[in-house]
């Protein structure tokens, strides 16, 4: 084991919801079909292409979850 690590090269793998949202996440999933703009899907696919990242669909789900939990957004 190394005595020191370079944190700039450390790769972090995260699974599941973003930190702070895990207790609010519902584990039930529903399949939906929807049309999204190409640039939106490309943005999330680029995020997902990084090593150790989640699928682009999970990132879209997390982004939507963050929006509905913002103050002032009606339920």
PDB file of N, CA and C in Angstrom:
ATOM      1  N   UNK A   1       0.843  -1.176   0.000  1.00  0.00           N
ATOM      2  CA  UNK A   1       0.000   0.000   0.000  1.00  0.00           C
ATOM      3  C   UNK A   1       0.888   1.240   0.000  1.00  0.00           C
ATOM      4  N   UNK A   2       0.507   2.229  -0.786  1.00  0.00           N
ATOM      5  CA  UNK A   2       1.287   3.455  -0.853  1.00  0.00           C
ATOM      6  C   UNK A   2       1.093   4.286   0.411  1.00  0.00           C
ATOM      7  N   UNK A   3       2.132   5.044   0.775  1.00  0.00           N
ATOM      8  CA  UNK A   3       2.000   5.927   1.931  1.00  0.00           C
ATOM      9  C   UNK A   3       1.346   7.246   1.547  1.00  0.00           C
ATOM     10  N   UNK A   4       1.450   7.628   0.259  1.00  0.00           N
ATOM     11  CA  UNK A   4       0.806   8.850  -0.230  1.00  0.00           C
ATOM     12  C   UNK A   4       0.114   8.570  -1.547  1.00  0.00           C
ATOM     13  N   UNK A   5      -0.985   9.235  -1.778  1.00  0.00           N
ATOM     14  CA  UNK A   5      -1.725   9.091  -3.018  1.00  0.00           C
ATOM     15  C   UNK A   5      -1.890  10.462  -3.667  1.00  0.00           C
ATOM     16  N   UNK A   6      -1.830  10.496  -4.983  1.00  0.00           N
ATOM     17  CA  UNK A   6      -2.074  11.734  -5.727  1.00  0.00           C
ATOM     18  C   UNK A   6      -3.571  11.843  -5.963  1.00  0.00           C
ATOM     19  N   UNK A   7      -4.224  12.773  -5.253  1.00  0.00           N
ATOM     20  CA  UNK A   7      -5.677  12.899  -5.345  1.00  0.00           C
ATOM     21  C   UNK A   7      -6.130  13.436  -6.698  1.00  0.00           C
ATOM     22  N   UNK A   8      -5.219  14.036  -7.461  1.00  0.00           N
ATOM     23  CA  UNK A   8      -5.581  14.532  -8.787  1.00  0.00           C
ATOM     24  C   UNK A   8      -5.817  13.397  -9.778  1.00  0.00           C
ATOM     25  N   UNK A   9      -5.212  12.251  -9.530  1.00  0.00           N
ATOM     26  CA  UNK A   9      -5.371  11.113 -10.439  1.00  0.00           C
ATOM     27  C   UNK A   9      -6.309  10.042  -9.877  1.00  0.00           C
ATOM     28  N   UNK A  10      -6.849  10.288  -8.687  1.00  0.00           N
ATOM     29  CA  UNK A  10      -7.753   9.329  -8.051  1.00  0.00           C
ATOM     30  C   UNK A  10      -9.050   9.235  -8.830  1.00  0.00           C
ATOM     31  N   UNK A  11      -9.473   8.027  -9.145  1.00  0.00           N
ATOM     32  CA  UNK A  11     -10.731   7.807  -9.846  1.00  0.00           C
ATOM     33  C   UNK A  11     -11.778   7.369  -8.839  1.00  0.00           C
ATOM     34  N   UNK A  12     -12.903   8.071  -8.843  1.00  0.00           N
ATOM     35  CA  UNK A  12     -13.981   7.780  -7.905  1.00  0.00           C
ATOM     36  C   UNK A  12     -15.101   7.083  -8.654  1.00  0.00           C
ATOM     37  N   UNK A  13     -15.541   5.974  -8.115  1.00  0.00           N
ATOM     38  CA  UNK A  13     -16.671   5.255  -8.701  1.00  0.00           C
ATOM     39  C   UNK A  13     -17.858   5.440  -7.778  1.00  0.00           C
ATOM     40  N   UNK A  14     -18.968   5.892  -8.360  1.00  0.00           N
ATOM     41  CA  UNK A  14     -20.166   6.126  -7.569  1.00  0.00           C
ATOM     42  C   UNK A  14     -21.291   5.304  -8.182  1.00  0.00           C
ATOM     43  N   UNK A  15     -22.037   4.651  -7.337  1.00  0.00           N
ATOM     44  CA  UNK A  15     -23.184   3.862  -7.783  1.00  0.00           C
ATOM     45  C   UNK A  15     -24.423   4.382  -7.075  1.00  0.00           C
ATOM     46  N   UNK A  16     -25.517   4.458  -7.778  1.00  0.00           N
ATOM     47  CA  UNK A  16     -26.767   4.880  -7.183  1.00  0.00           C
ATOM     48  C   UNK A  16     -26.964   6.375  -7.228  1.00  0.00           C
ATOM     49  N   UNK A  17     -27.924   6.875  -6.465  1.00  0.00           N
ATOM     50  CA  UNK A  17     -28.268   8.300  -6.483  1.00  0.00           C
ATOM     51  C   UNK A  17     -27.120   9.168  -5.993  1.00  0.00           C
ATOM     52  N   UNK A  18     -27.183  10.436  -6.338  1.00  0.00           N
ATOM     53  CA  UNK A  18     -26.188  11.383  -5.872  1.00  0.00           C
ATOM     54  C   UNK A  18     -26.232  11.461  -4.353  1.00  0.00           C
ATOM     55  N   UNK A  19     -25.097  11.778  -3.725  1.00  0.00           N
ATOM     56  CA  UNK A  19     -25.092  11.885  -2.264  1.00  0.00           C
ATOM     57  C   UNK A  19     -26.147  12.874  -1.787  1.00  0.00           C
ATOM     58  N   UNK A  20     -26.831  12.547  -0.718  1.00  0.00           N
ATOM     59  CA  UNK A  20     -27.872  13.402  -0.180  1.00  0.00           C
ATOM     60  C   UNK A  20     -29.253  13.100  -0.734  1.00  0.00           C
ATOM     61  N   UNK A  21     -29.321  12.340  -1.814  1.00  0.00           N
ATOM     62  CA  UNK A  21     -30.620  12.018  -2.403  1.00  0.00           C
ATOM     63  C   UNK A  21     -31.010  10.566  -2.171  1.00  0.00           C
ATOM     64  N   UNK A  22     -30.096   9.779  -1.623  1.00  0.00           N
ATOM     65  CA  UNK A  22     -30.329   8.347  -1.497  1.00  0.00           C
ATOM     66  C   UNK A  22     -31.549   8.025  -0.639  1.00  0.00           C
ATOM     67  N   UNK A  23     -31.737   8.765   0.465  1.00  0.00           N
ATOM     68  CA  UNK A  23     -32.873   8.445   1.327  1.00  0.00           C
ATOM     69  C   UNK A  23     -34.200   8.804   0.667  1.00  0.00           C
ATOM     70  N   UNK A  24     -34.161   9.649  -0.368  1.00  0.00           N
ATOM     71  CA  UNK A  24     -35.379  10.063  -1.038  1.00  0.00           C
ATOM     72  C   UNK A  24     -35.678   9.216  -2.269  1.00  0.00           C
ATOM     73  N   UNK A  25     -34.746   8.402  -2.685  1.00  0.00           N
ATOM     74  CA  UNK A  25     -34.899   7.654  -3.935  1.00  0.00           C
ATOM     75  C   UNK A  25     -35.906   6.524  -3.780  1.00  0.00           C
ATOM     76  N   UNK A  26     -36.767   6.415  -4.759  1.00  0.00           N
ATOM     77  CA  UNK A  26     -37.727   5.324  -4.815  1.00  0.00           C
ATOM     78  C   UNK A  26     -37.111   4.244  -5.696  1.00  0.00           C
ATOM     79  N   UNK A  27     -37.068   3.023  -5.215  1.00  0.00           N
ATOM     80  CA  UNK A  27     -36.412   1.959  -5.972  1.00  0.00           C
ATOM     81  C   UNK A  27     -37.285   1.403  -7.083  1.00  0.00           C
ATOM     82  N   UNK A  28     -38.561   1.787  -7.123  1.00  0.00           N
ATOM     83  CA  UNK A  28     -39.446   1.315  -8.176  1.00  0.00           C
ATOM     84  C   UNK A  28     -39.180   2.117  -9.440  1.00  0.00           C
ATOM     85  N   UNK A  29     -38.954   1.432 -10.532  1.00  0.00           N
ATOM     86  CA  UNK A  29     -38.687   2.098 -11.810  1.00  0.00           C
ATOM     87  C   UNK A  29     -39.839   1.821 -12.762  1.00  0.00           C
ATOM     88  N   UNK A  30     -40.119   2.795 -13.613  1.00  0.00           N
ATOM     89  CA  UNK A  30     -41.171   2.690 -14.613  1.00  0.00           C
ATOM     90  C   UNK A  30     -40.557   2.980 -15.969  1.00  0.00           C
ATOM     91  N   UNK A  31     -40.811   2.125 -16.940  1.00  0.00           N
ATOM     92  CA  UNK A  31     -40.297   2.340 -18.287  1.00  0.00           C
ATOM     93  C   UNK A  31     -41.159   3.378 -18.985  1.00  0.00           C
ATOM     94  N   UNK A  32     -40.502   4.399 -19.556  1.00  0.00           N
ATOM     95  CA  UNK A  32     -41.212   5.429 -20.311  1.00  0.00           C
ATOM     96  C   UNK A  32     -40.519   5.627 -21.658  1.00  0.00           C
ATOM     97  N   UNK A  33     -41.272   6.096 -22.608  1.00  0.00           N
ATOM     98  CA  UNK A  33     -40.723   6.446 -23.912  1.00  0.00           C
ATOM     99  C   UNK A  33     -40.985   7.925 -24.109  1.00  0.00           C
ATOM    100  N   UNK A  34     -39.919   8.688 -24.371  1.00  0.00           N
ATOM    101  CA  UNK A  34     -40.088  10.116 -24.560  1.00  0.00           C
ATOM    102  C   UNK A  34     -39.057  10.629 -25.551  1.00  0.00           C
ATOM    103  N   UNK A  35     -39.388  11.717 -26.187  1.00  0.00           N
ATOM    104  CA  UNK A  35     -38.488  12.341 -27.135  1.00  0.00           C
ATOM    105  C   UNK A  35     -37.722  13.450 -26.421  1.00  0.00           C
ATOM    106  N   UNK A  36     -36.395  13.422 -26.528  1.00  0.00           N
ATOM    107  CA  UNK A  36     -35.544  14.463 -25.953  1.00  0.00           C
ATOM    108  C   UNK A  36     -34.712  15.080 -27.062  1.00  0.00           C
ATOM    109  N   UNK A  37     -34.326  16.327 -26.887  1.00  0.00           N
ATOM    110  CA  UNK A  37     -33.471  16.984 -27.873  1.00  0.00           C
ATOM    111  C   UNK A  37     -32.121  16.281 -27.934  1.00  0.00           C
ATOM    112  N   UNK A  38     -31.544  16.249 -29.125  1.00  0.00           N
ATOM    113  CA  UNK A  38     -30.282  15.556 -29.349  1.00  0.00           C
ATOM    114  C   UNK A  38     -29.171  16.076 -28.449  1.00  0.00           C
ATOM    115  N   UNK A  39     -29.103  17.396 -28.268  1.00  0.00           N
ATOM    116  CA  UNK A  39     -28.035  17.961 -27.450  1.00  0.00           C
ATOM    117  C   UNK A  39     -28.164  17.557 -25.984  1.00  0.00           C
ATOM    118  N   UNK A  40     -29.381  17.365 -25.507  1.00  0.00           N
ATOM    119  CA  UNK A  40     -29.590  16.933 -24.120  1.00  0.00           C
ATOM    120  C   UNK A  40     -29.069  15.515 -23.936  1.00  0.00           C
ATOM    121  N   UNK A  41     -29.447  14.629 -24.829  1.00  0.00           N
ATOM    122  CA  UNK A  41     -29.003  13.233 -24.734  1.00  0.00           C
ATOM    123  C   UNK A  41     -27.483  13.152 -24.905  1.00  0.00           C
ATOM    124  N   UNK A  42     -26.926  13.927 -25.827  1.00  0.00           N
ATOM    125  CA  UNK A  42     -25.471  13.927 -26.047  1.00  0.00           C
ATOM    126  C   UNK A  42     -24.726  14.364 -24.794  1.00  0.00           C
ATOM    127  N   UNK A  43     -25.247  15.375 -24.115  1.00  0.00           N
ATOM    128  CA  UNK A  43     -24.622  15.868 -22.882  1.00  0.00           C
ATOM    129  C   UNK A  43     -24.515  14.748 -21.842  1.00  0.00           C
ATOM    130  N   UNK A  44     -25.622  14.049 -21.608  1.00  0.00           N
ATOM    131  CA  UNK A  44     -25.621  12.996 -20.593  1.00  0.00           C
ATOM    132  C   UNK A  44     -24.813  11.773 -21.046  1.00  0.00           C
ATOM    133  N   UNK A  45     -24.802  11.483 -22.335  1.00  0.00           N
ATOM    134  CA  UNK A  45     -23.996  10.362 -22.827  1.00  0.00           C
ATOM    135  C   UNK A  45     -22.507  10.665 -22.672  1.00  0.00           C
ATOM    136  N   UNK A  46     -22.103  11.919 -22.882  1.00  0.00           N
ATOM    137  CA  UNK A  46     -20.704  12.298 -22.689  1.00  0.00           C
ATOM    138  C   UNK A  46     -20.305  12.136 -21.232  1.00  0.00           C
ATOM    139  N   UNK A  47     -21.201  12.499 -20.311  1.00  0.00           N
ATOM    140  CA  UNK A  47     -20.922  12.306 -18.888  1.00  0.00           C
ATOM    141  C   UNK A  47     -20.720  10.823 -18.587  1.00  0.00           C
ATOM    142  N   UNK A  48     -21.549   9.986 -19.186  1.00  0.00           N
ATOM    143  CA  UNK A  48     -21.518   8.550 -18.901  1.00  0.00           C
ATOM    144  C   UNK A  48     -20.313   7.856 -19.514  1.00  0.00           C
ATOM    145  N   UNK A  49     -19.685   8.470 -20.514  1.00  0.00           N
ATOM    146  CA  UNK A  49     -18.543   7.842 -21.171  1.00  0.00           C
ATOM    147  C   UNK A  49     -17.275   7.873 -20.326  1.00  0.00           C
ATOM    148  N   UNK A  50     -17.234   8.712 -19.309  1.00  0.00           N
ATOM    149  CA  UNK A  50     -16.058   8.789 -18.453  1.00  0.00           C
ATOM    150  C   UNK A  50     -15.915   7.478 -17.677  1.00  0.00           C
ATOM    151  N   UNK A  51     -14.687   7.016 -17.492  1.00  0.00           N
ATOM    152  CA  UNK A  51     -14.482   5.744 -16.777  1.00  0.00           C
ATOM    153  C   UNK A  51     -15.069   5.782 -15.365  1.00  0.00           C
ATOM    154  N   UNK A  52     -15.793   4.746 -15.021  1.00  0.00           N
ATOM    155  CA  UNK A  52     -16.354   4.621 -13.686  1.00  0.00           C
ATOM    156  C   UNK A  52     -17.674   5.339 -13.486  1.00  0.00           C
ATOM    157  N   UNK A  53     -18.199   5.980 -14.511  1.00  0.00           N
ATOM    158  CA  UNK A  53     -19.453   6.709 -14.376  1.00  0.00           C
ATOM    159  C   UNK A  53     -20.661   5.813 -14.614  1.00  0.00           C
ATOM    160  N   UNK A  54     -21.818   6.326 -14.247  1.00  0.00           N
ATOM    161  CA  UNK A  54     -23.074   5.605 -14.390  1.00  0.00           C
ATOM    162  C   UNK A  54     -23.595   5.730 -15.815  1.00  0.00           C
ATOM    163  N   UNK A  55     -24.713   5.086 -16.108  1.00  0.00           N
ATOM    164  CA  UNK A  55     -25.300   5.174 -17.441  1.00  0.00           C
ATOM    165  C   UNK A  55     -25.929   6.552 -17.645  1.00  0.00           C
ATOM    166  N   UNK A  56     -26.080   6.957 -18.892  1.00  0.00           N
ATOM    167  CA  UNK A  56     -26.653   8.274 -19.174  1.00  0.00           C
ATOM    168  C   UNK A  56     -28.093   8.365 -18.696  1.00  0.00           C
ATOM    169  N   UNK A  57     -28.801   7.253 -18.698  1.00  0.00           N
ATOM    170  CA  UNK A  57     -30.185   7.254 -18.232  1.00  0.00           C
ATOM    171  C   UNK A  57     -30.255   7.531 -16.734  1.00  0.00           C
ATOM    172  N   UNK A  58     -29.307   7.010 -15.982  1.00  0.00           N
ATOM    173  CA  UNK A  58     -29.256   7.271 -14.545  1.00  0.00           C
ATOM    174  C   UNK A  58     -28.975   8.741 -14.284  1.00  0.00           C
ATOM    175  N   UNK A  59     -28.081   9.349 -15.083  1.00  0.00           N
ATOM    176  CA  UNK A  59     -27.797  10.776 -14.922  1.00  0.00           C
ATOM    177  C   UNK A  59     -29.023  11.629 -15.229  1.00  0.00           C
ATOM    178  N   UNK A  60     -29.778  11.269 -16.243  1.00  0.00           N
ATOM    179  CA  UNK A  60     -31.001  12.007 -16.559  1.00  0.00           C
ATOM    180  C   UNK A  60     -31.984  11.878 -15.396  1.00  0.00           C
ATOM    181  N   UNK A  61     -32.133  10.682 -14.855  1.00  0.00           N
ATOM    182  CA  UNK A  61     -33.025  10.447 -13.720  1.00  0.00           C
ATOM    183  C   UNK A  61     -32.607  11.296 -12.518  1.00  0.00           C
ATOM    184  N   UNK A  62     -31.305  11.354 -12.229  1.00  0.00           N
ATOM    185  CA  UNK A  62     -30.814  12.129 -11.095  1.00  0.00           C
ATOM    186  C   UNK A  62     -31.027  13.626 -11.308  1.00  0.00           C
ATOM    187  N   UNK A  63     -30.847  14.099 -12.537  1.00  0.00           N
ATOM    188  CA  UNK A  63     -31.071  15.520 -12.836  1.00  0.00           C
ATOM    189  C   UNK A  63     -32.540  15.877 -12.620  1.00  0.00           C
ATOM    190  N   UNK A  64     -33.445  15.015 -13.055  1.00  0.00           N
ATOM    191  CA  UNK A  64     -34.868  15.265 -12.845  1.00  0.00           C
ATOM    192  C   UNK A  64     -35.223  15.239 -11.359  1.00  0.00           C
ATOM    193  N   UNK A  65     -34.622  14.325 -10.614  1.00  0.00           N
ATOM    194  CA  UNK A  65     -34.869  14.241  -9.179  1.00  0.00           C
ATOM    195  C   UNK A  65     -34.402  15.511  -8.468  1.00  0.00           C
ATOM    196  N   UNK A  66     -33.263  16.046  -8.858  1.00  0.00           N
ATOM    197  CA  UNK A  66     -32.770  17.286  -8.253  1.00  0.00           C
ATOM    198  C   UNK A  66     -33.745  18.433  -8.507  1.00  0.00           C
ATOM    199  N   UNK A  67     -34.307  18.479  -9.696  1.00  0.00           N
ATOM    200  CA  UNK A  67     -35.247  19.555 -10.037  1.00  0.00           C
ATOM    201  C   UNK A  67     -36.505  19.482  -9.171  1.00  0.00           C
ATOM    202  N   UNK A  68     -37.064  18.296  -9.006  1.00  0.00           N
ATOM    203  CA  UNK A  68     -38.322  18.211  -8.248  1.00  0.00           C
ATOM    204  C   UNK A  68     -38.119  18.447  -6.759  1.00  0.00           C
ATOM    205  N   UNK A  69     -36.890  18.321  -6.257  1.00  0.00           N
ATOM    206  CA  UNK A  69     -36.622  18.555  -4.842  1.00  0.00           C
ATOM    207  C   UNK A  69     -36.139  19.980  -4.571  1.00  0.00           C
ATOM    208  N   UNK A  70     -36.122  20.841  -5.580  1.00  0.00           N
ATOM    209  CA  UNK A  70     -35.741  22.235  -5.363  1.00  0.00           C
ATOM    210  C   UNK A  70     -36.890  22.970  -4.684  1.00  0.00           C
ATOM    211  N   UNK A  71     -36.560  23.903  -3.804  1.00  0.00           N
ATOM    212  CA  UNK A  71     -37.620  24.710  -3.177  1.00  0.00           C
ATOM    213  C   UNK A  71     -38.398  25.485  -4.233  1.00  0.00           C
ATOM    214  N   UNK A  72     -39.696  25.547  -4.077  1.00  0.00           N
ATOM    215  CA  UNK A  72     -40.532  26.296  -4.993  1.00  0.00           C
ATOM    216  C   UNK A  72     -41.082  25.506  -6.145  1.00  0.00           C
ATOM    217  N   UNK A  73     -40.634  24.261  -6.312  1.00  0.00           N
ATOM    218  CA  UNK A  73     -41.173  23.418  -7.391  1.00  0.00           C
ATOM    219  C   UNK A  73     -42.381  22.687  -6.826  1.00  0.00           C
ATOM    220  N   UNK A  74     -43.521  22.888  -7.441  1.00  0.00           N
ATOM    221  CA  UNK A  74     -44.743  22.259  -6.933  1.00  0.00           C
ATOM    222  C   UNK A  74     -44.753  20.771  -7.243  1.00  0.00           C
ATOM    223  N   UNK A  75     -45.348  20.035  -6.364  1.00  0.00           N
ATOM    224  CA  UNK A  75     -45.402  18.569  -6.541  1.00  0.00           C
ATOM    225  C   UNK A  75     -46.712  18.156  -7.122  1.00  0.00           C
TER     226      UNK A  75
END
